[in-house]
Amino acid sequence: VADVSVATEASVTELSPGDRRKRIADRVPAE
């Protein structure tokens, strides 16, 4: 579980600015 958590955190921090903005743009109207 710890290994999966570390891998997930690493992949999130490697998001490009465009991918980050897409996540934000998708999440705000949904929530």
PDB file of all heavy atoms in Angstrom:
ATOM      1  N   VAL A   1       0.837  -1.199   0.000  1.00  0.00           N
ATOM      2  CA  VAL A   1       0.000   0.000   0.000  1.00  0.00           C
ATOM      3  C   VAL A   1       0.867   1.241   0.000  1.00  0.00           C
ATOM      4  O   VAL A   1       0.626   2.189  -0.731  1.00  0.00           O
ATOM      5  CB  VAL A   1      -0.954   0.005   1.219  1.00  0.00           C
ATOM      6  CG1 VAL A   1      -1.644   1.343   1.359  1.00  0.00           C
ATOM      7  CG2 VAL A   1      -1.978  -1.107   1.071  1.00  0.00           C
ATOM      8  N   ALA A   2       1.929   1.240   0.803  1.00  0.00           N
ATOM      9  CA  ALA A   2       2.831   2.385   0.852  1.00  0.00           C
ATOM     10  C   ALA A   2       3.470   2.609  -0.504  1.00  0.00           C
ATOM     11  O   ALA A   2       3.592   3.734  -0.960  1.00  0.00           O
ATOM     12  CB  ALA A   2       3.899   2.184   1.917  1.00  0.00           C
ATOM     13  N   ASP A   3       3.865   1.525  -1.173  1.00  0.00           N
ATOM     14  CA  ASP A   3       4.485   1.653  -2.495  1.00  0.00           C
ATOM     15  C   ASP A   3       3.515   2.261  -3.495  1.00  0.00           C
ATOM     16  O   ASP A   3       3.875   3.117  -4.295  1.00  0.00           O
ATOM     17  CB  ASP A   3       4.956   0.289  -3.006  1.00  0.00           C
ATOM     18  CG  ASP A   3       6.154  -0.246  -2.219  1.00  0.00           C
ATOM     19  OD1 ASP A   3       6.807   0.557  -1.515  1.00  0.00           O
ATOM     20  OD2 ASP A   3       6.404  -1.451  -2.314  1.00  0.00           O
ATOM     21  N   VAL A   4       2.253   1.832  -3.467  1.00  0.00           N
ATOM     22  CA  VAL A   4       1.242   2.381  -4.384  1.00  0.00           C
ATOM     23  C   VAL A   4       1.038   3.853  -4.088  1.00  0.00           C
ATOM     24  O   VAL A   4       0.958   4.677  -4.985  1.00  0.00           O
ATOM     25  CB  VAL A   4      -0.091   1.608  -4.243  1.00  0.00           C
ATOM     26  CG1 VAL A   4      -1.198   2.310  -4.980  1.00  0.00           C
ATOM     27  CG2 VAL A   4       0.086   0.185  -4.749  1.00  0.00           C
ATOM     28  N   SER A   5       0.971   4.214  -2.814  1.00  0.00           N
ATOM     29  CA  SER A   5       0.788   5.606  -2.423  1.00  0.00           C
ATOM     30  C   SER A   5       1.908   6.486  -2.952  1.00  0.00           C
ATOM     31  O   SER A   5       1.678   7.560  -3.487  1.00  0.00           O
ATOM     32  CB  SER A   5       0.706   5.696  -0.901  1.00  0.00           C
ATOM     33  OG  SER A   5       0.897   6.997  -0.480  1.00  0.00           O
ATOM     34  N   VAL A   6       3.146   6.032  -2.807  1.00  0.00           N
ATOM     35  CA  VAL A   6       4.294   6.799  -3.279  1.00  0.00           C
ATOM     36  C   VAL A   6       4.238   6.948  -4.792  1.00  0.00           C
ATOM     37  O   VAL A   6       4.466   8.019  -5.342  1.00  0.00           O
ATOM     38  CB  VAL A   6       5.617   6.137  -2.833  1.00  0.00           C
ATOM     39  CG1 VAL A   6       6.803   6.759  -3.536  1.00  0.00           C
ATOM     40  CG2 VAL A   6       5.753   6.236  -1.325  1.00  0.00           C
ATOM     41  N   ALA A   7       3.867   5.874  -5.488  1.00  0.00           N
ATOM     42  CA  ALA A   7       3.783   5.932  -6.951  1.00  0.00           C
ATOM     43  C   ALA A   7       2.702   6.906  -7.380  1.00  0.00           C
ATOM     44  O   ALA A   7       2.878   7.666  -8.328  1.00  0.00           O
ATOM     45  CB  ALA A   7       3.500   4.537  -7.503  1.00  0.00           C
ATOM     46  N   THR A   8       1.558   6.905  -6.693  1.00  0.00           N
ATOM     47  CA  THR A   8       0.474   7.816  -7.042  1.00  0.00           C
ATOM     48  C   THR A   8       0.903   9.262  -6.836  1.00  0.00           C
ATOM     49  O   THR A   8       0.669  10.111  -7.673  1.00  0.00           O
ATOM     50  CB  THR A   8      -0.778   7.518  -6.185  1.00  0.00           C
ATOM     51  OG1 THR A   8      -1.142   6.168  -6.402  1.00  0.00           O
ATOM     52  CG2 THR A   8      -1.917   8.420  -6.554  1.00  0.00           C
ATOM     53  N   GLU A   9       1.558   9.546  -5.701  1.00  0.00           N
ATOM     54  CA  GLU A   9       2.016  10.908  -5.437  1.00  0.00           C
ATOM     55  C   GLU A   9       2.998  11.371  -6.502  1.00  0.00           C
ATOM     56  O   GLU A   9       2.935  12.496  -6.975  1.00  0.00           O
ATOM     57  CB  GLU A   9       2.667  10.994  -4.057  1.00  0.00           C
ATOM     58  CG  GLU A   9       1.672  10.932  -2.926  1.00  0.00           C
ATOM     59  CD  GLU A   9       2.344  10.937  -1.573  1.00  0.00           C
ATOM     60  OE1 GLU A   9       3.484  11.411  -1.479  1.00  0.00           O
ATOM     61  OE2 GLU A   9       1.723  10.494  -0.604  1.00  0.00           O
ATOM     62  N   ALA A  10       3.908  10.484  -6.897  1.00  0.00           N
ATOM     63  CA  ALA A  10       4.899  10.857  -7.901  1.00  0.00           C
ATOM     64  C   ALA A  10       4.228  11.179  -9.224  1.00  0.00           C
ATOM     65  O   ALA A  10       4.576  12.138  -9.889  1.00  0.00           O
ATOM     66  CB  ALA A  10       5.910   9.733  -8.072  1.00  0.00           C
ATOM     67  N   SER A  11       3.212  10.391  -9.622  1.00  0.00           N
ATOM     68  CA  SER A  11       2.576  10.635 -10.909  1.00  0.00           C
ATOM     69  C   SER A  11       1.788  11.940 -10.888  1.00  0.00           C
ATOM     70  O   SER A  11       1.714  12.633 -11.888  1.00  0.00           O
ATOM     71  CB  SER A  11       1.667   9.460 -11.290  1.00  0.00           C
ATOM     72  OG  SER A  11       0.621   9.322 -10.355  1.00  0.00           O
ATOM     73  N   VAL A  12       1.207  12.296  -9.742  1.00  0.00           N
ATOM     74  CA  VAL A  12       0.468  13.556  -9.649  1.00  0.00           C
ATOM     75  C   VAL A  12       1.410  14.741  -9.781  1.00  0.00           C
ATOM     76  O   VAL A  12       1.117  15.693 -10.491  1.00  0.00           O
ATOM     77  CB  VAL A  12      -0.323  13.632  -8.317  1.00  0.00           C
ATOM     78  CG1 VAL A  12      -0.853  15.029  -8.080  1.00  0.00           C
ATOM     79  CG2 VAL A  12      -1.462  12.637  -8.330  1.00  0.00           C
ATOM     80  N   THR A  13       2.562  14.683  -9.126  1.00  0.00           N
ATOM     81  CA  THR A  13       3.475  15.818  -9.174  1.00  0.00           C
ATOM     82  C   THR A  13       4.101  15.983 -10.551  1.00  0.00           C
ATOM     83  O   THR A  13       4.639  17.030 -10.853  1.00  0.00           O
ATOM     84  CB  THR A  13       4.598  15.699  -8.119  1.00  0.00           C
ATOM     85  OG1 THR A  13       5.303  14.485  -8.334  1.00  0.00           O
ATOM     86  CG2 THR A  13       4.032  15.752  -6.722  1.00  0.00           C
ATOM     87  N   GLU A  14       4.017  14.965 -11.376  1.00  0.00           N
ATOM     88  CA  GLU A  14       4.593  15.046 -12.712  1.00  0.00           C
ATOM     89  C   GLU A  14       3.582  15.519 -13.757  1.00  0.00           C
ATOM     90  O   GLU A  14       3.877  15.503 -14.941  1.00  0.00           O
ATOM     91  CB  GLU A  14       5.164  13.683 -13.107  1.00  0.00           C
ATOM     92  CG  GLU A  14       6.346  13.285 -12.237  1.00  0.00           C
ATOM     93  CD  GLU A  14       6.817  11.868 -12.506  1.00  0.00           C
ATOM     94  OE1 GLU A  14       6.320  11.225 -13.448  1.00  0.00           O
ATOM     95  OE2 GLU A  14       7.695  11.409 -11.768  1.00  0.00           O
ATOM     96  N   LEU A  15       2.394  15.915 -13.345  1.00  0.00           N
ATOM     97  CA  LEU A  15       1.402  16.399 -14.294  1.00  0.00           C
ATOM     98  C   LEU A  15       1.909  17.656 -14.981  1.00  0.00           C
ATOM     99  O   LEU A  15       2.491  18.531 -14.351  1.00  0.00           O
ATOM    100  CB  LEU A  15       0.079  16.736 -13.581  1.00  0.00           C
ATOM    101  CG  LEU A  15      -0.775  15.580 -13.102  1.00  0.00           C
ATOM    102  CD1 LEU A  15      -1.964  16.121 -12.312  1.00  0.00           C
ATOM    103  CD2 LEU A  15      -1.254  14.744 -14.271  1.00  0.00           C
ATOM    104  N   SER A  16       1.630  17.750 -16.257  1.00  0.00           N
ATOM    105  CA  SER A  16       1.974  18.978 -16.978  1.00  0.00           C
ATOM    106  C   SER A  16       0.999  20.072 -16.551  1.00  0.00           C
ATOM    107  O   SER A  16      -0.093  19.774 -16.045  1.00  0.00           O
ATOM    108  CB  SER A  16       1.858  18.743 -18.483  1.00  0.00           C
ATOM    109  OG  SER A  16       0.488  18.615 -18.847  1.00  0.00           O
ATOM    110  N   PRO A  17       1.339  21.336 -16.765  1.00  0.00           N
ATOM    111  CA  PRO A  17       0.403  22.414 -16.431  1.00  0.00           C
ATOM    112  C   PRO A  17      -0.953  22.235 -17.120  1.00  0.00           C
ATOM    113  O   PRO A  17      -1.995  22.457 -16.515  1.00  0.00           O
ATOM    114  CB  PRO A  17       1.120  23.672 -16.924  1.00  0.00           C
ATOM    115  CG  PRO A  17       2.575  23.324 -16.835  1.00  0.00           C
ATOM    116  CD  PRO A  17       2.642  21.858 -17.193  1.00  0.00           C
ATOM    117  N   GLY A  18      -0.933  21.794 -18.363  1.00  0.00           N
ATOM    118  CA  GLY A  18      -2.195  21.575 -19.082  1.00  0.00           C
ATOM    119  C   GLY A  18      -3.044  20.491 -18.450  1.00  0.00           C
ATOM    120  O   GLY A  18      -4.273  20.623 -18.348  1.00  0.00           O
ATOM    121  N   ASP A  19      -2.401  19.398 -18.005  1.00  0.00           N
ATOM    122  CA  ASP A  19      -3.136  18.313 -17.355  1.00  0.00           C
ATOM    123  C   ASP A  19      -3.691  18.759 -16.000  1.00  0.00           C
ATOM    124  O   ASP A  19      -4.801  18.395 -15.629  1.00  0.00           O
ATOM    125  CB  ASP A  19      -2.232  17.086 -17.176  1.00  0.00           C
ATOM    126  CG  ASP A  19      -1.930  16.395 -18.490  1.00  0.00           C
ATOM    127  OD1 ASP A  19      -2.688  16.579 -19.468  1.00  0.00           O
ATOM    128  OD2 ASP A  19      -0.918  15.670 -18.549  1.00  0.00           O
ATOM    129  N   ARG A  20      -2.901  19.569 -15.264  1.00  0.00           N
ATOM    130  CA  ARG A  20      -3.391  20.105 -13.977  1.00  0.00           C
ATOM    131  C   ARG A  20      -4.631  20.948 -14.219  1.00  0.00           C
ATOM    132  O   ARG A  20      -5.633  20.816 -13.525  1.00  0.00           O
ATOM    133  CB  ARG A  20      -2.332  20.984 -13.308  1.00  0.00           C
ATOM    134  CG  ARG A  20      -1.302  20.291 -12.505  1.00  0.00           C
ATOM    135  CD  ARG A  20      -0.560  21.262 -11.589  1.00  0.00           C
ATOM    136  NE  ARG A  20      -0.334  22.582 -12.135  1.00  0.00           N
ATOM    137  CZ  ARG A  20       0.756  22.955 -12.807  1.00  0.00           C
ATOM    138  NH1 ARG A  20       1.730  22.101 -13.007  1.00  0.00           N
ATOM    139  NH2 ARG A  20       0.877  24.189 -13.257  1.00  0.00           N
ATOM    140  N   ARG A  21      -4.552  21.827 -15.197  1.00  0.00           N
ATOM    141  CA  ARG A  21      -5.683  22.729 -15.477  1.00  0.00           C
ATOM    142  C   ARG A  21      -6.911  21.951 -15.923  1.00  0.00           C
ATOM    143  O   ARG A  21      -8.035  22.316 -15.580  1.00  0.00           O
ATOM    144  CB  ARG A  21      -5.264  23.770 -16.508  1.00  0.00           C
ATOM    145  CG  ARG A  21      -4.238  24.717 -15.941  1.00  0.00           C
ATOM    146  CD  ARG A  21      -3.735  25.715 -16.958  1.00  0.00           C
ATOM    147  NE  ARG A  21      -2.575  26.386 -16.406  1.00  0.00           N
ATOM    148  CZ  ARG A  21      -1.451  26.587 -17.056  1.00  0.00           C
ATOM    149  NH1 ARG A  21      -1.326  26.227 -18.316  1.00  0.00           N
ATOM    150  NH2 ARG A  21      -0.437  27.185 -16.460  1.00  0.00           N
ATOM    151  N   LYS A  22      -6.706  20.894 -16.671  1.00  0.00           N
ATOM    152  CA  LYS A  22      -7.843  20.060 -17.099  1.00  0.00           C
ATOM    153  C   LYS A  22      -8.501  19.412 -15.890  1.00  0.00           C
ATOM    154  O   LYS A  22      -9.723  19.376 -15.788  1.00  0.00           O
ATOM    155  CB  LYS A  22      -7.401  19.004 -18.097  1.00  0.00           C
ATOM    156  CG  LYS A  22      -8.556  18.087 -18.494  1.00  0.00           C
ATOM    157  CD  LYS A  22      -8.335  17.401 -19.782  1.00  0.00           C
ATOM    158  CE  LYS A  22      -9.461  16.473 -20.199  1.00  0.00           C
ATOM    159  NZ  LYS A  22     -10.762  16.668 -19.644  1.00  0.00           N
ATOM    160  N   ARG A  23      -7.691  18.920 -14.967  1.00  0.00           N
ATOM    161  CA  ARG A  23      -8.259  18.332 -13.742  1.00  0.00           C
ATOM    162  C   ARG A  23      -9.081  19.363 -12.978  1.00  0.00           C
ATOM    163  O   ARG A  23     -10.156  19.066 -12.482  1.00  0.00           O
ATOM    164  CB  ARG A  23      -7.147  17.802 -12.831  1.00  0.00           C
ATOM    165  CG  ARG A  23      -6.670  16.447 -13.202  1.00  0.00           C
ATOM    166  CD  ARG A  23      -5.923  15.849 -12.042  1.00  0.00           C
ATOM    167  NE  ARG A  23      -5.334  14.589 -12.462  1.00  0.00           N
ATOM    168  CZ  ARG A  23      -4.801  13.735 -11.621  1.00  0.00           C
ATOM    169  NH1 ARG A  23      -4.756  13.996 -10.337  1.00  0.00           N
ATOM    170  NH2 ARG A  23      -4.295  12.607 -12.057  1.00  0.00           N
ATOM    171  N   ILE A  24      -8.533  20.570 -12.861  1.00  0.00           N
ATOM    172  CA  ILE A  24      -9.253  21.635 -12.148  1.00  0.00           C
ATOM    173  C   ILE A  24     -10.543  21.970 -12.891  1.00  0.00           C
ATOM    174  O   ILE A  24     -11.612  22.052 -12.296  1.00  0.00           O
ATOM    175  CB  ILE A  24      -8.367  22.889 -11.992  1.00  0.00           C
ATOM    176  CG1 ILE A  24      -7.188  22.597 -11.061  1.00  0.00           C
ATOM    177  CG2 ILE A  24      -9.195  24.062 -11.463  1.00  0.00           C
ATOM    178  CD1 ILE A  24      -6.120  23.679 -11.046  1.00  0.00           C
ATOM    179  N   ALA A  25     -10.446  22.164 -14.203  1.00  0.00           N
ATOM    180  CA  ALA A  25     -11.615  22.546 -15.009  1.00  0.00           C
ATOM    181  C   ALA A  25     -12.692  21.474 -14.985  1.00  0.00           C
ATOM    182  O   ALA A  25     -13.878  21.791 -15.034  1.00  0.00           O
ATOM    183  CB  ALA A  25     -11.180  22.826 -16.451  1.00  0.00           C
ATOM    184  N   ASP A  26     -12.320  20.216 -14.888  1.00  0.00           N
ATOM    185  CA  ASP A  26     -13.299  19.127 -14.810  1.00  0.00           C
ATOM    186  C   ASP A  26     -13.903  19.022 -13.422  1.00  0.00           C
ATOM    187  O   ASP A  26     -15.085  18.731 -13.269  1.00  0.00           O
ATOM    188  CB  ASP A  26     -12.637  17.787 -15.162  1.00  0.00           C
ATOM    189  CG  ASP A  26     -12.274  17.676 -16.632  1.00  0.00           C
ATOM    190  OD1 ASP A  26     -12.785  18.475 -17.454  1.00  0.00           O
ATOM    191  OD2 ASP A  26     -11.455  16.795 -16.962  1.00  0.00           O
ATOM    192  N   ARG A  27     -13.096  19.270 -12.410  1.00  0.00           N
ATOM    193  CA  ARG A  27     -13.540  19.042 -11.038  1.00  0.00           C
ATOM    194  C   ARG A  27     -14.452  20.140 -10.506  1.00  0.00           C
ATOM    195  O   ARG A  27     -15.430  19.849  -9.819  1.00  0.00           O
ATOM    196  CB  ARG A  27     -12.312  18.905 -10.133  1.00  0.00           C
ATOM    197  CG  ARG A  27     -12.694  18.478  -8.744  1.00  0.00           C
ATOM    198  CD  ARG A  27     -11.539  17.967  -7.969  1.00  0.00           C
ATOM    199  NE  ARG A  27     -12.004  17.722  -6.614  1.00  0.00           N
ATOM    200  CZ  ARG A  27     -11.236  17.763  -5.570  1.00  0.00           C
ATOM    201  NH1 ARG A  27      -9.959  17.983  -5.697  1.00  0.00           N
ATOM    202  NH2 ARG A  27     -11.733  17.561  -4.377  1.00  0.00           N
ATOM    203  N   VAL A  28     -14.164  21.387 -10.821  1.00  0.00           N
ATOM    204  CA  VAL A  28     -14.956  22.495 -10.258  1.00  0.00           C
ATOM    205  C   VAL A  28     -16.434  22.378 -10.627  1.00  0.00           C
ATOM    206  O   VAL A  28     -17.294  22.402  -9.752  1.00  0.00           O
ATOM    207  CB  VAL A  28     -14.356  23.863 -10.650  1.00  0.00           C
ATOM    208  CG1 VAL A  28     -15.293  24.991 -10.278  1.00  0.00           C
ATOM    209  CG2 VAL A  28     -13.002  24.040  -9.981  1.00  0.00           C
ATOM    210  N   PRO A  29     -16.795  22.240 -11.913  1.00  0.00           N
ATOM    211  CA  PRO A  29     -18.226  22.130 -12.221  1.00  0.00           C
ATOM    212  C   PRO A  29     -18.848  20.843 -11.685  1.00  0.00           C
ATOM    213  O   PRO A  29     -20.011  20.836 -11.307  1.00  0.00           O
ATOM    214  CB  PRO A  29     -18.290  22.160 -13.744  1.00  0.00           C
ATOM    215  CG  PRO A  29     -16.917  22.301 -14.249  1.00  0.00           C
ATOM    216  CD  PRO A  29     -15.973  22.292 -13.102  1.00  0.00           C
ATOM    217  N   ALA A  30     -18.077  19.767 -11.637  1.00  0.00           N
ATOM    218  CA  ALA A  30     -18.611  18.495 -11.162  1.00  0.00           C
ATOM    219  C   ALA A  30     -18.977  18.555  -9.684  1.00  0.00           C
ATOM    220  O   ALA A  30     -19.967  17.977  -9.257  1.00  0.00           O
ATOM    221  CB  ALA A  30     -17.602  17.382 -11.407  1.00  0.00           C
ATOM    222  N   GLU A  31     -18.173  19.271  -8.895  1.00  0.00           N
ATOM    223  CA  GLU A  31     -18.391  19.323  -7.450  1.00  0.00           C
ATOM    224  C   GLU A  31     -19.026  20.621  -6.985  1.00  0.00           C
ATOM    225  O   GLU A  31     -19.453  20.722  -5.850  1.00  0.00           O
ATOM    226  CB  GLU A  31     -17.065  19.088  -6.715  1.00  0.00           C
ATOM    227  CG  GLU A  31     -16.522  17.697  -6.973  1.00  0.00           C
ATOM    228  CD  GLU A  31     -15.282  17.389  -6.171  1.00  0.00           C
ATOM    229  OE1 GLU A  31     -15.107  17.967  -5.088  1.00  0.00           O
ATOM    230  OE2 GLU A  31     -14.490  16.571  -6.653  1.00  0.00           O
TER     231      GLU A  31
END
